[in-house]
Protein backbone atom coordinates (compact mmCIF):
# COMPACT_ATOMS: atom_id res chain seq x y z
CA ALA A 1 162.16 206.06 -85.27
CA PRO A 2 163.10 202.65 -86.67
CA ARG A 3 160.80 200.79 -89.06
CA VAL A 4 161.07 197.00 -89.10
CA ASP A 5 159.31 194.82 -91.65
CA GLY A 6 158.00 191.68 -90.03
CA ALA A 7 154.81 191.57 -92.08
CA SER A 8 155.88 190.65 -95.61
CA PHE A 9 157.17 187.22 -94.59
CA VAL A 10 157.07 184.54 -91.93
CA PHE A 11 160.25 182.73 -90.86
CA VAL A 12 159.44 179.03 -91.09
CA GLY A 13 161.35 176.00 -92.35
CA GLY A 14 164.56 177.90 -93.00
CA GLU A 15 162.85 180.37 -95.35
CA LYS A 16 161.36 183.83 -95.42
CA ARG A 17 158.01 182.68 -96.73
CA ALA A 18 155.97 185.42 -98.36
CA TRP A 19 153.00 186.44 -96.21
CA SER A 20 149.82 187.99 -97.59
CA GLY A 21 147.58 187.40 -94.59
CA LYS A 22 146.60 189.69 -91.76
CA THR A 23 149.23 191.95 -90.25
CA THR A 24 149.55 193.96 -87.04
CA GLU A 25 151.00 197.42 -86.66
CA VAL A 26 153.71 197.58 -83.99
CA THR A 27 153.76 200.82 -82.02
CA SER A 28 156.03 202.40 -79.46
CA PRO A 29 154.73 203.99 -76.23
CA ILE A 30 156.65 207.08 -77.34
CA VAL A 31 154.29 209.67 -78.82
CA ASP A 32 154.58 210.60 -82.50
CA PRO A 33 154.40 214.43 -82.59
CA ALA A 34 152.83 214.32 -86.05
CA THR A 35 149.83 212.23 -84.96
CA GLY A 36 149.69 212.67 -81.20
CA GLY A 37 149.45 208.88 -80.91
CA ARG A 38 151.86 206.03 -80.43
CA THR A 39 154.73 205.94 -82.92
CA VAL A 40 154.50 203.20 -85.55
CA ILE A 41 157.82 201.34 -85.70
CA GLY A 42 156.99 198.24 -87.71
CA GLU A 43 154.56 195.54 -88.70
CA LEU A 44 154.23 191.83 -87.91
CA ALA A 45 152.50 188.97 -89.64
CA SER A 46 149.45 187.90 -87.65
CA MET A 47 149.73 184.17 -88.17
CA ASP A 48 146.54 182.19 -87.75
CA ALA A 49 146.24 178.65 -86.39
CA ALA A 50 146.96 177.03 -89.76
CA ALA A 51 150.05 179.14 -90.41
CA ALA A 52 151.34 178.48 -86.90
CA LEU A 53 151.07 174.73 -87.50
CA THR A 54 153.58 175.02 -90.35
CA ALA A 55 156.17 176.20 -87.81
CA VAL A 56 155.84 173.18 -85.53
CA GLU A 57 155.67 170.88 -88.55
CA ALA A 58 158.92 172.36 -89.88
CA ALA A 59 160.58 171.85 -86.50
CA ALA A 60 159.30 168.28 -86.32
CA GLU A 61 160.64 167.60 -89.82
CA ALA A 62 164.04 169.01 -88.88
CA TRP A 63 164.01 166.85 -85.74
CA ASP A 64 162.93 163.77 -87.72
CA GLY A 65 162.51 161.60 -84.66
CA GLY A 66 166.02 162.50 -83.56
CA GLN A 67 167.57 161.59 -86.90
CA GLY A 68 167.66 165.10 -88.41
CA GLU A 69 170.81 166.93 -89.41
CA TRP A 70 170.91 169.18 -86.32
CA PRO A 71 170.32 166.56 -83.59
CA GLN A 72 172.83 164.26 -85.29
CA LYS A 73 175.56 166.91 -85.50
CA SER A 74 178.46 166.74 -83.09
CA GLN A 75 178.50 169.03 -80.10
CA ALA A 76 181.48 170.80 -81.66
CA ALA A 77 179.53 171.53 -84.83
CA ARG A 78 176.56 172.93 -82.92
CA VAL A 79 178.84 175.11 -80.81
CA ALA A 80 180.53 176.42 -83.95
CA ALA A 81 177.17 177.31 -85.52
CA VAL A 82 175.97 179.17 -82.43
CA GLU A 83 179.27 181.04 -82.08
CA ALA A 84 179.12 182.11 -85.73
CA TYR A 85 175.54 183.26 -85.23
CA LEU A 86 176.51 185.35 -82.21
CA GLU A 87 179.19 187.03 -84.28
CA SER A 88 176.63 187.86 -86.96
CA ILE A 89 174.11 189.45 -84.59
CA ARG A 90 176.88 191.47 -82.94
CA GLU A 91 177.14 193.29 -86.26
CA ARG A 92 173.53 194.44 -85.77
CA ARG A 93 173.87 195.31 -82.09
CA ALA A 94 173.19 199.02 -82.60
CA GLU A 95 169.98 198.33 -84.58
CA ILE A 96 168.72 195.78 -82.07
CA VAL A 97 169.42 198.05 -79.10
CA ASP A 98 167.65 200.94 -80.85
CA VAL A 99 164.58 198.80 -81.52
CA LEU A 100 164.48 197.64 -77.90
CA MET A 101 164.52 201.28 -76.78
CA TRP A 102 161.65 202.20 -79.04
CA GLU A 103 159.46 199.13 -78.69
CA ILE A 104 159.69 198.42 -74.95
CA ALA A 105 161.01 201.83 -73.79
CA LYS A 106 164.12 200.54 -72.06
CA THR A 107 166.73 203.16 -71.33
CA ALA A 108 169.69 203.17 -73.69
CA SER A 109 171.92 201.61 -71.05
CA ASP A 110 169.38 198.92 -70.11
CA ALA A 111 168.72 198.01 -73.76
CA ALA A 112 172.47 197.70 -74.37
CA LYS A 113 172.83 195.60 -71.21
CA GLU A 114 170.10 193.25 -72.39
CA PHE A 115 171.87 192.61 -75.70
CA ASP A 116 175.29 192.24 -74.09
CA ARG A 117 174.04 190.01 -71.28
CA THR A 118 172.30 187.80 -73.83
CA VAL A 119 175.51 187.25 -75.78
CA GLU A 120 177.51 186.81 -72.58
CA PHE A 121 175.03 184.20 -71.30
CA ALA A 122 175.37 182.24 -74.55
CA GLN A 123 179.15 182.38 -74.26
CA GLN A 124 178.98 181.15 -70.66
CA VAL A 125 176.77 178.25 -71.74
CA ILE A 126 179.32 177.30 -74.40
CA ALA A 127 182.10 177.50 -71.81
CA ALA A 128 180.12 175.16 -69.56
CA ILE A 129 179.78 172.70 -72.43
CA ARG A 130 183.52 172.80 -73.05
CA ALA A 131 184.18 172.21 -69.35
CA GLY A 132 181.70 169.33 -69.27
CA GLU A 133 180.36 170.56 -65.93
CA TYR A 134 176.71 170.41 -66.94
CA VAL A 135 176.52 166.73 -67.81
CA SER A 136 175.86 164.68 -64.71
CA ASP A 137 176.72 164.18 -61.07
CA ALA A 138 177.94 160.70 -61.96
CA GLY A 139 180.48 159.86 -64.63
CA SER A 140 182.88 161.94 -66.65
CA ALA A 141 181.86 164.22 -69.46
CA GLN A 142 184.86 163.21 -71.53
CA GLU A 143 186.24 159.80 -70.62
CA PHE A 144 184.93 156.32 -69.87
CA ALA A 145 185.40 155.23 -66.27
CA ASP A 146 184.70 152.14 -64.20
CA VAL A 147 181.70 152.79 -61.97
CA GLY A 148 180.35 150.01 -59.79
CA GLY A 149 181.61 147.27 -62.06
CA VAL A 150 180.46 149.00 -65.25
CA ARG A 151 182.59 150.95 -67.71
CA ALA A 152 180.54 154.02 -68.60
CA THR A 153 180.43 157.59 -69.72
CA VAL A 154 177.60 160.11 -69.55
CA ARG A 155 176.53 162.61 -72.17
CA ARG A 156 173.36 164.61 -72.68
CA GLY A 157 171.10 164.43 -75.71
CA PRO A 158 168.24 166.59 -77.00
CA VAL A 159 164.61 166.23 -75.99
CA GLY A 160 163.09 166.95 -79.41
CA VAL A 161 160.92 169.83 -80.58
CA ALA A 162 160.86 172.72 -78.09
CA LEU A 163 158.38 175.60 -77.96
CA PHE A 164 159.58 178.77 -76.25
CA LEU A 165 157.71 181.87 -75.09
CA ALA A 166 159.02 184.91 -73.26
CA PRO A 167 157.48 188.26 -72.22
CA TYR A 168 158.07 191.79 -73.41
CA ASN A 169 160.25 192.98 -70.54
CA TYR A 170 163.31 190.97 -71.62
CA PRO A 171 162.25 189.79 -75.08
CA LEU A 172 165.77 188.95 -76.26
CA ASN A 173 167.49 187.79 -73.09
CA GLU A 174 164.81 185.53 -71.69
CA LEU A 175 164.04 183.82 -74.98
CA TYR A 176 167.73 183.24 -75.68
CA ALA A 177 168.33 182.02 -72.11
CA MET A 178 166.15 179.06 -73.08
CA CYS A 179 166.62 178.59 -76.82
CA VAL A 180 170.44 178.86 -76.98
CA PRO A 181 171.01 176.02 -74.48
CA ALA A 182 168.28 174.01 -76.21
CA LEU A 183 169.90 174.51 -79.63
CA LEU A 184 173.33 173.58 -78.31
CA MET A 185 171.85 170.35 -76.97
CA GLY A 186 170.46 169.51 -80.42
CA ASN A 187 166.77 170.42 -80.09
CA CYS A 188 164.75 172.01 -82.90
CA VAL A 189 162.74 174.99 -81.78
CA VAL A 190 159.68 177.13 -82.34
CA LEU A 191 159.90 180.64 -80.91
CA LYS A 192 156.59 182.35 -80.19
CA LEU A 193 157.65 185.97 -80.35
CA PRO A 194 156.04 188.29 -77.79
CA ALA A 195 153.37 190.67 -79.06
CA ILE A 196 155.50 193.50 -77.64
CA GLY A 197 159.22 193.02 -78.19
CA ALA A 198 159.17 190.92 -81.38
CA LEU A 199 160.91 193.35 -83.71
CA ALA A 200 164.38 192.75 -82.23
CA HIS A 201 163.99 189.10 -83.25
CA ILE A 202 162.96 190.00 -86.79
CA LEU A 203 166.35 191.69 -87.16
CA THR A 204 168.06 188.34 -86.49
CA VAL A 205 166.37 186.33 -89.25
CA ASP A 206 169.11 186.72 -91.87
CA ALA A 207 171.74 185.52 -89.39
CA LEU A 208 169.57 182.52 -88.46
CA LEU A 209 169.18 181.64 -92.15
CA LYS A 210 172.94 181.80 -92.59
CA HIS A 211 174.03 179.63 -89.70
CA PHE A 212 171.36 176.99 -88.98
CA PRO A 213 169.87 174.16 -91.07
CA LYS A 214 166.33 174.68 -92.29
CA GLY A 215 163.59 174.09 -89.77
CA VAL A 216 165.87 174.13 -86.73
CA ILE A 217 164.53 177.55 -85.70
CA ASN A 218 161.05 178.82 -86.60
CA PHE A 219 159.13 181.94 -85.60
CA VAL A 220 155.46 182.29 -84.75
CA THR A 221 154.00 185.80 -84.61
CA GLY A 222 150.47 186.90 -83.87
CA SER A 223 147.99 186.15 -81.11
CA GLY A 224 149.04 183.45 -78.68
CA ARG A 225 145.42 182.43 -78.19
CA ALA A 226 145.05 181.96 -81.96
CA THR A 227 148.33 180.14 -82.58
CA LEU A 228 149.44 178.17 -79.54
CA PRO A 229 146.55 175.80 -78.69
CA GLY A 230 146.84 174.24 -82.15
CA ILE A 231 150.60 173.86 -81.87
CA MET A 232 150.32 172.13 -78.50
CA GLY A 233 147.38 170.08 -79.69
CA THR A 234 149.51 168.36 -82.34
CA GLY A 235 151.45 166.56 -79.62
CA LYS A 236 154.63 167.33 -81.56
CA VAL A 237 156.05 169.60 -78.85
CA ASP A 238 158.38 167.64 -76.58
CA ALA A 239 159.58 170.50 -74.38
CA LEU A 240 157.96 173.75 -73.31
CA GLY A 241 159.96 176.71 -72.08
CA PHE A 242 157.65 179.42 -70.78
CA ILE A 243 158.47 182.73 -69.09
CA GLY A 244 155.35 184.68 -68.29
CA GLY A 245 152.10 184.22 -66.38
CA SER A 246 151.06 181.01 -64.65
CA ASN A 247 147.61 180.97 -66.27
CA GLY A 248 149.17 180.91 -69.73
CA ALA A 249 151.57 178.14 -68.74
CA ASP A 250 148.73 176.03 -67.32
CA ALA A 251 146.64 176.47 -70.46
CA LEU A 252 149.45 175.33 -72.76
CA VAL A 253 150.26 172.24 -70.71
CA LYS A 254 146.57 171.30 -70.64
CA ALA A 255 146.37 171.67 -74.44
CA HIS A 256 148.98 168.93 -74.99
CA PRO A 257 147.39 165.53 -75.68
CA HIS A 258 150.18 163.69 -73.83
CA PRO A 259 151.29 165.96 -70.96
CA HIS A 260 153.27 163.13 -69.37
CA ARG A 261 155.63 163.38 -72.35
CA LEU A 262 156.05 167.13 -72.09
CA LYS A 263 159.22 168.40 -70.42
CA VAL A 264 158.22 171.73 -68.85
CA PHE A 265 160.44 174.62 -67.79
CA SER A 266 158.80 177.80 -66.54
CA GLN A 267 159.70 181.05 -64.83
CA LEU A 268 156.53 182.86 -63.80
CA GLU A 269 155.22 185.64 -61.58
CA GLY A 270 156.75 186.92 -58.37
CA LYS A 271 155.58 189.06 -55.46
CA ASN A 272 159.00 189.42 -53.86
CA MET A 273 159.16 191.02 -50.44
CA GLY A 274 161.77 193.44 -49.18
CA VAL A 275 161.87 192.95 -45.40
CA VAL A 276 163.36 195.86 -43.45
CA LEU A 277 164.33 195.00 -39.86
CA ALA A 278 164.43 197.52 -37.03
CA ASP A 279 168.19 198.04 -37.13
CA ALA A 280 168.55 198.45 -40.92
CA ASP A 281 170.71 201.20 -42.39
CA LEU A 282 167.82 203.16 -43.87
CA ASP A 283 169.82 205.16 -46.40
CA ALA A 284 171.53 202.07 -47.81
CA THR A 285 168.27 200.13 -47.68
CA VAL A 286 166.37 202.82 -49.59
CA ARG A 287 168.98 202.75 -52.36
CA GLU A 288 168.48 199.00 -52.76
CA LEU A 289 164.70 199.23 -52.53
CA VAL A 290 164.52 201.90 -55.22
CA ALA A 291 166.73 199.88 -57.54
CA GLY A 292 164.97 196.64 -56.68
CA ALA A 293 161.44 197.99 -57.02
CA LEU A 294 161.81 200.43 -59.91
CA SER A 295 164.59 199.35 -62.26
CA TYR A 296 162.95 199.25 -65.69
CA ASN A 297 159.82 200.70 -64.10
CA GLY A 298 159.40 197.65 -61.86
CA GLN A 299 158.64 195.52 -64.92
CA ARG A 300 160.74 192.56 -63.79
CA CYS A 301 159.65 189.28 -62.25
CA THR A 302 162.48 189.73 -59.72
CA ALA A 303 161.42 193.24 -58.71
CA ILE A 304 160.66 193.91 -55.05
CA LYS A 305 156.89 194.25 -55.19
CA LEU A 306 156.06 194.57 -51.50
CA VAL A 307 158.16 196.29 -48.83
CA VAL A 308 157.46 195.23 -45.24
CA ALA A 309 159.17 197.36 -42.60
CA HIS A 310 159.35 197.02 -38.83
CA ALA A 311 156.86 199.36 -37.18
CA SER A 312 159.60 201.15 -35.23
CA ILE A 313 161.23 202.48 -38.40
CA PHE A 314 158.22 202.40 -40.71
CA ASP A 315 157.56 206.15 -40.89
CA ALA A 316 161.24 207.05 -41.27
CA LEU A 317 161.69 204.50 -44.05
CA VAL A 318 158.59 205.61 -45.93
CA ASP A 319 159.66 209.26 -45.75
CA LYS A 320 163.13 208.50 -47.11
CA LEU A 321 161.72 206.17 -49.77
CA ALA A 322 159.21 208.78 -50.93
CA VAL A 323 161.93 211.41 -51.32
CA ALA A 324 164.20 209.05 -53.26
CA VAL A 325 161.42 207.90 -55.59
CA GLU A 326 160.23 211.44 -56.22
CA ARG A 327 163.74 212.39 -57.35
CA LEU A 328 163.93 209.71 -60.04
CA PRO A 329 164.23 211.38 -63.45
CA ARG A 330 161.50 210.48 -65.96
CA GLY A 331 161.36 210.80 -69.71
CA LEU A 332 162.35 209.20 -73.00
CA PRO A 333 164.57 206.12 -73.01
CA TRP A 334 167.53 207.77 -74.77
CA ASP A 335 167.69 210.52 -72.15
CA ALA A 336 169.44 210.22 -68.76
CA VAL A 337 166.33 208.93 -66.97
CA SER A 338 165.24 206.12 -64.67
CA ILE A 339 161.50 206.02 -65.42
CA THR A 340 160.29 205.58 -69.01
CA PRO A 341 156.91 205.12 -70.73
CA LEU A 342 155.14 201.81 -70.14
CA PRO A 343 154.97 199.68 -73.32
CA GLU A 344 151.66 197.97 -72.48
CA ALA A 345 148.85 200.33 -73.45
CA SER A 346 146.57 198.91 -70.75
CA LYS A 347 149.09 199.02 -67.88
CA PRO A 348 148.52 202.61 -66.60
CA ALA A 349 144.80 201.95 -66.13
CA TRP A 350 145.59 198.70 -64.28
CA LEU A 351 147.97 200.51 -61.91
CA VAL A 352 145.37 203.21 -61.26
CA GLU A 353 142.89 200.47 -60.36
CA LEU A 354 145.29 199.02 -57.77
CA LEU A 355 146.03 202.48 -56.38
CA GLU A 356 142.37 203.36 -56.04
CA ASP A 357 141.68 200.13 -54.16
CA ALA A 358 144.49 200.89 -51.69
CA LEU A 359 143.42 204.52 -51.22
CA GLU A 360 139.80 203.52 -50.59
CA LYS A 361 141.02 201.20 -47.82
CA GLY A 362 143.17 203.73 -45.99
CA ALA A 363 146.53 203.99 -47.74
CA THR A 364 147.96 207.18 -49.18
CA VAL A 365 150.41 208.02 -51.94
CA ARG A 366 153.45 209.39 -50.08
CA ASN A 367 155.35 211.15 -52.86
CA PRO A 368 153.80 214.29 -54.41
CA SER A 369 153.65 213.20 -58.06
CA GLY A 370 153.06 209.49 -57.46
CA GLY A 371 150.54 208.05 -59.90
CA ALA A 372 150.50 211.07 -62.20
CA ARG A 373 150.13 210.17 -65.88
CA ALA A 374 151.41 211.75 -69.07
CA GLY A 375 150.45 209.42 -71.88
CA ALA A 376 152.23 206.13 -71.25
CA LEU A 377 154.52 207.72 -68.65
CA PHE A 378 153.40 206.78 -65.14
CA ALA A 379 155.05 208.58 -62.22
CA PRO A 380 156.26 206.02 -59.64
CA ALA A 381 154.16 205.96 -56.48
CA VAL A 382 155.07 205.01 -52.91
CA VAL A 383 151.89 203.73 -51.24
CA ALA A 384 151.58 203.27 -47.46
CA PRO A 385 150.44 201.81 -45.19
CA VAL A 386 149.39 198.78 -47.24
CA THR A 387 147.50 195.99 -45.46
CA PRO A 388 146.42 192.45 -46.38
CA ALA A 389 142.94 193.84 -47.12
CA MET A 390 144.35 195.64 -50.17
CA ARG A 391 145.00 194.16 -53.61
CA LEU A 392 148.48 195.72 -53.71
CA PHE A 393 149.48 193.48 -50.81
CA HIS A 394 148.80 190.32 -52.83
CA GLU A 395 148.65 191.06 -56.55
CA GLU A 396 151.69 191.53 -58.77
CA GLN A 397 151.62 195.13 -60.00
CA PHE A 398 154.52 194.71 -62.48
CA GLY A 399 154.95 198.44 -62.72
CA PRO A 400 156.17 201.56 -60.90
CA VAL A 401 154.14 201.30 -57.69
CA VAL A 402 155.92 200.58 -54.38
CA PRO A 403 153.58 199.34 -51.63
CA VAL A 404 154.91 199.49 -48.04
CA ALA A 405 153.41 197.52 -45.13
CA ALA A 406 154.36 197.45 -41.45
CA PHE A 407 155.06 194.50 -39.15
CA ASP A 408 155.71 194.12 -35.41
CA ASP A 409 156.73 190.48 -35.24
CA LEU A 410 158.66 188.20 -37.59
CA ASP A 411 155.73 185.78 -37.57
CA GLU A 412 153.74 188.37 -39.54
CA VAL A 413 156.39 188.32 -42.26
CA VAL A 414 156.41 184.54 -42.36
CA THR A 415 152.62 184.43 -42.52
CA ALA A 416 152.59 186.85 -45.44
CA ALA A 417 155.05 184.66 -47.32
CA LYS A 418 153.38 181.42 -46.28
CA THR A 419 149.94 182.47 -47.50
CA SER A 420 151.19 184.05 -50.75
CA TRP A 421 151.01 182.39 -54.15
CA SER A 422 154.55 183.62 -54.81
CA GLY A 423 157.70 181.62 -54.21
CA GLN A 424 160.58 183.38 -55.91
CA GLN A 425 162.82 185.55 -53.69
CA VAL A 426 163.03 187.73 -50.60
CA ALA A 427 165.40 190.56 -49.65
CA LEU A 428 166.32 191.06 -45.98
CA PHE A 429 167.78 194.32 -44.67
CA THR A 430 169.63 194.58 -41.33
CA ARG A 431 172.89 195.95 -39.94
CA ARG A 432 173.78 193.30 -37.39
CA ASP A 433 170.66 191.34 -36.43
CA ALA A 434 171.98 187.99 -37.60
CA ALA A 435 169.58 186.14 -35.30
CA ALA A 436 166.48 187.64 -36.95
CA ALA A 437 167.97 187.26 -40.43
CA ALA A 438 168.82 183.61 -39.71
CA THR A 439 165.27 182.98 -38.50
CA LEU A 440 163.83 184.41 -41.70
CA VAL A 441 166.31 182.55 -43.91
CA ASP A 442 165.38 179.25 -42.27
CA ARG A 443 161.64 179.84 -42.30
CA LEU A 444 161.49 181.27 -45.82
CA ALA A 445 163.93 178.77 -47.40
CA THR A 446 160.98 176.39 -47.81
CA ILE A 447 158.97 179.09 -49.58
CA VAL A 448 161.35 181.01 -51.88
CA GLY A 449 164.34 180.11 -54.04
CA ARG A 450 166.71 182.89 -52.94
CA ALA A 451 167.22 185.05 -49.87
CA ASN A 452 169.16 188.26 -50.50
CA ILE A 453 170.91 190.00 -47.61
CA ASN A 454 171.12 193.81 -47.82
CA THR A 455 170.72 193.69 -51.59
CA GLN A 456 167.84 193.73 -54.04
CA CYS A 457 166.27 190.62 -55.55
CA GLN A 458 167.85 189.62 -58.85
CA ARG A 459 168.51 186.76 -61.25
CA GLY A 460 172.24 187.18 -61.68
CA PRO A 461 174.98 186.32 -61.85
CA ASP A 462 173.89 183.69 -64.34
CA VAL A 463 176.15 181.01 -62.89
CA LEU A 464 173.89 180.93 -59.80
CA PRO A 465 170.65 178.92 -59.90
CA PHE A 466 167.53 181.02 -60.42
CA SER A 467 164.77 178.93 -58.93
CA GLY A 468 161.36 179.28 -57.37
CA ARG A 469 158.35 177.50 -55.97
CA ARG A 470 154.58 177.58 -56.23
CA SER A 471 153.33 179.86 -59.00
CA SER A 472 156.77 181.43 -59.52
CA ALA A 473 158.67 178.66 -61.28
CA MET A 474 158.98 175.07 -62.40
CA GLY A 475 162.65 174.40 -63.01
CA THR A 476 165.87 176.28 -62.44
CA MET A 477 167.63 178.77 -64.70
CA SER A 478 171.40 179.11 -64.75
CA VAL A 479 174.20 178.59 -67.24
CA THR A 480 174.36 174.86 -66.48
CA ASP A 481 170.75 174.27 -65.39
CA ALA A 482 169.46 175.59 -68.73
CA LEU A 483 171.47 172.92 -70.53
CA ARG A 484 170.01 170.25 -68.28
CA ALA A 485 166.47 171.60 -68.63
CA PHE A 486 166.38 170.91 -72.37
CA SER A 487 168.32 167.67 -72.53
CA VAL A 488 168.34 164.14 -71.20
CA GLU A 489 171.24 162.11 -69.83
CA VAL A 490 172.53 159.46 -72.21
CA VAL A 491 174.69 156.71 -70.72
CA VAL A 492 176.99 154.56 -72.84
CA ALA A 493 178.06 151.57 -70.76
CA GLY A 494 179.54 148.09 -71.01
CA LYS A 495 181.62 145.53 -69.21
CA PRO A 496 185.14 146.52 -68.12
CA ALA A 497 186.43 143.49 -70.01
CA ASP A 498 185.36 145.23 -73.23
CA ALA A 499 187.28 148.40 -72.37
CA PRO A 500 189.32 148.51 -75.64
CA LEU A 501 186.15 148.29 -77.73
CA ILE A 502 184.21 150.72 -75.57
CA ASP A 503 187.03 153.25 -75.40
CA ASP A 504 187.43 153.13 -79.17
CA LEU A 505 183.96 154.62 -79.49
CA HIS A 506 185.51 158.00 -78.68
CA THR A 507 187.01 158.11 -82.14
CA ARG A 508 183.89 156.87 -83.92
CA ALA A 509 180.66 158.01 -82.22
CA THR A 510 179.63 161.59 -82.87
CA LEU A 511 177.86 161.67 -79.49
CA LEU A 512 181.19 161.11 -77.75
CA ALA A 513 183.33 163.37 -79.92
CA PRO A 514 185.38 165.86 -77.89
CA LEU A 515 184.79 169.54 -78.55
CA ASP A 516 188.25 170.06 -79.99
CA GLU A 517 187.34 167.94 -82.99
CA PRO A 518 186.64 169.79 -86.27
CA PRO A 519 183.00 170.81 -86.76
CA GLY A 520 180.94 168.00 -88.22
CA GLY A 521 182.03 165.32 -85.78
CA CYS A 522 184.64 162.64 -85.94
CA HIS A 523 182.53 159.66 -86.99
CA LYS A 524 184.43 157.45 -89.41
CA GLU A 525 182.80 154.96 -91.74
CA GLU A 526 184.76 151.75 -92.16
CA PRO A 527 183.88 148.53 -93.95
CA PRO A 528 182.49 145.84 -91.68
CA THR A 529 184.90 143.16 -90.54
CA SER A 530 184.14 139.51 -91.16
């Protein structure tokens, strides 16, 4: 097992500052044969409120009201720094992937995919910057142009100090999907590392020290309840990027003394439905449902968390689904398996609670081993028939339980979506019933952010907008939308008669410097003219 030291220091202000305060043991859900308990794989500093404040203060100092080194760098210089950083962490890919396997029990292939997708996303963001396609719907990203009697160009500038939080299920990818675009735009950031999934980030500290000015990136570890209210209470956070639960997001926004000044981006819970129409290809549908509901044990916000099937094919679908789920191999993440131990120690008991509620109200577990436990390993369960009277119909299980409900009329599907708190995605399965699919697309397009046809719910590809409504999202994630989320349009404009003067700014203003300029910008100091 790996052993990562995140307890002897805290990463704040561009330093590994020695830490002698409280620490927390980090354990894997994989059993240690020597102790019979969870395997210890590292330690983390348990920062208290006072220590956490030093992180936001360091970020605020690096920001310096927008006059700090990082926000004043050219876009080319920031891109160069991020690219160099990506090269450095690639050298530690094997270590990071190994830690992800142990700490959050992702399969070897899924852990590798998370690292690779994270780097690829960052590269796509940089490509979007080079293409200028993220800037604005009006005006060119590179040249001045006459627009409505004004000679103008549009750029984007940073917001300020950004605080980012992401959950354990994609601790690297989801944090980087926010912080990399924010850094490229010139923001200074505080990363609250997840309680589960932090060790992969500890392995990146040396690369961060090497490639970024001090205070541009700072880590906070420890209890969110102990550290985050104080950080928000300073009023020094200008942007909040939050991926997690809606209650946590609400609490942080409320803790800010000036919420009208806080730019908020959030991706939250989802109770995505998989709707199976009467004419669906059941074999193909089951393959998508299994992948959509149980990839990484169903621990994804985009997972299908409620299957609703037409009554005429309900029994046949449930039978096929139960067989397919029962066949999924289970075991340790480095083996050829689909189901792995659950990293949250409390999750198995929570899933049992939801199962018991459904069973008491008339549902049954349809696959023989469904719900069986072996330590942190929870056998996936197909539960049917689920009704609105059951908690599994409404609550996000975020784990390997697949509830299946029946419907007779499309209005029942619409009502379930309409009355839900969720507003992320839906998956529709049909062979040729375009009329029914079109009805659902139209009626659900005002409720969810994406309708998938004969395929599982998902975030990718990252060039597509990942949006949501209600308690599922505030803001849109994509390669270009992430850049917009953590920046503000900046217009430089003047009269067309001053075109020679205005156009000459391209060679002098760092803000306007093209990306093919050498890192550091192209600003030239010249003596004033009389």
